[in-house]
Amino acid sequence: MKELVEVIAKALVDDPDSVVVTEREDKKTTVLEVHVADSDMGKVIGKQGRIAKAIRSVVKAAAAKEDKKVIVDIMD
């Protein structure tokens, strides 16, 4: 999952080297934290959060195949 989010985020931003995705495991949940440059924050979130919502939908579908729960957080 981490690699999937990383590839999507790097494709969206102007500075792909600044994209960092960290993975944190809770009990049954995996939390993916996406860090991007401040100038690229809007590109990852999108108008009214549409791109962020789409990223979460793709990850949720991929996680459902593996019977896992994954949360994607876009960090400041």
Protein backbone atom coordinates (compact mmCIF):
# COMPACT_ATOMS: atom_id res chain seq x y z
CA MET A 1 0.00 0.00 0.00
CA LYS A 2 2.80 2.39 0.88
CA GLU A 3 4.31 2.07 -2.60
CA LEU A 4 0.93 2.64 -4.25
CA VAL A 5 0.36 5.92 -2.40
CA GLU A 6 3.94 6.99 -3.05
CA VAL A 7 3.62 6.45 -6.82
CA ILE A 8 0.32 8.33 -6.99
CA ALA A 9 1.59 11.27 -4.92
CA LYS A 10 4.84 11.56 -6.90
CA ALA A 11 2.87 11.67 -10.15
CA LEU A 12 0.79 14.60 -8.90
CA VAL A 13 3.42 16.96 -7.49
CA ASP A 14 6.06 19.24 -9.02
CA ASP A 15 8.77 18.11 -6.57
CA PRO A 16 8.57 14.29 -6.38
CA ASP A 17 11.75 14.09 -4.28
CA SER A 18 9.95 15.76 -1.37
CA VAL A 19 7.23 13.09 -1.17
CA VAL A 20 7.59 10.90 1.91
CA VAL A 21 5.09 8.22 2.89
CA THR A 22 5.38 6.69 6.35
CA GLU A 23 3.52 3.60 7.46
CA ARG A 24 2.26 3.04 10.98
CA GLU A 25 0.56 -0.15 12.17
CA ASP A 26 -2.15 -0.08 14.81
CA LYS A 27 -4.12 -3.14 15.93
CA LYS A 28 -6.00 -3.94 12.72
CA THR A 29 -5.42 -0.68 10.91
CA THR A 30 -2.55 0.64 8.83
CA VAL A 31 -2.11 4.41 8.75
CA LEU A 32 -0.23 5.93 5.82
CA GLU A 33 0.99 9.48 6.37
CA VAL A 34 1.79 11.44 3.21
CA HIS A 35 4.21 14.37 3.53
CA VAL A 36 4.72 16.71 0.55
CA ALA A 37 6.24 20.14 0.02
CA ASP A 38 4.04 23.05 1.10
CA SER A 39 3.80 24.29 -2.49
CA ASP A 40 2.45 20.89 -3.62
CA MET A 41 -0.13 20.46 -0.86
CA GLY A 42 -2.98 21.76 -3.02
CA LYS A 43 -2.14 19.39 -5.83
CA VAL A 44 -2.41 16.36 -3.58
CA ILE A 45 -5.62 17.55 -1.91
CA GLY A 46 -7.34 18.97 -4.99
CA LYS A 47 -10.36 21.21 -5.25
CA GLN A 48 -12.76 20.45 -2.41
CA GLY A 49 -10.58 17.45 -1.52
CA ARG A 50 -11.48 15.48 -4.63
CA ILE A 51 -7.98 14.15 -5.35
CA ALA A 52 -7.42 13.17 -1.72
CA LYS A 53 -10.77 11.40 -1.75
CA ALA A 54 -9.82 9.56 -4.94
CA ILE A 55 -6.48 8.45 -3.46
CA ARG A 56 -8.29 7.14 -0.39
CA SER A 57 -10.81 5.28 -2.58
CA VAL A 58 -8.07 3.55 -4.58
CA VAL A 59 -6.20 2.54 -1.43
CA LYS A 60 -9.41 1.34 0.21
CA ALA A 61 -10.19 -0.87 -2.79
CA ALA A 62 -6.67 -2.32 -2.81
CA ALA A 63 -6.81 -2.91 0.94
CA ALA A 64 -10.17 -4.65 0.69
CA LYS A 65 -8.57 -7.28 -1.55
CA GLU A 66 -6.14 -8.07 1.27
CA ASP A 67 -8.87 -7.82 3.94
CA LYS A 68 -7.15 -4.89 5.69
CA LYS A 69 -8.14 -1.41 6.76
CA VAL A 70 -5.91 1.41 5.57
CA ILE A 71 -6.22 5.11 6.42
CA VAL A 72 -4.45 7.76 4.32
CA ASP A 73 -3.55 11.00 6.13
CA ILE A 74 -2.13 13.96 4.24
CA MET A 75 0.08 15.79 6.69
CA ASP A 76 1.08 19.47 6.82
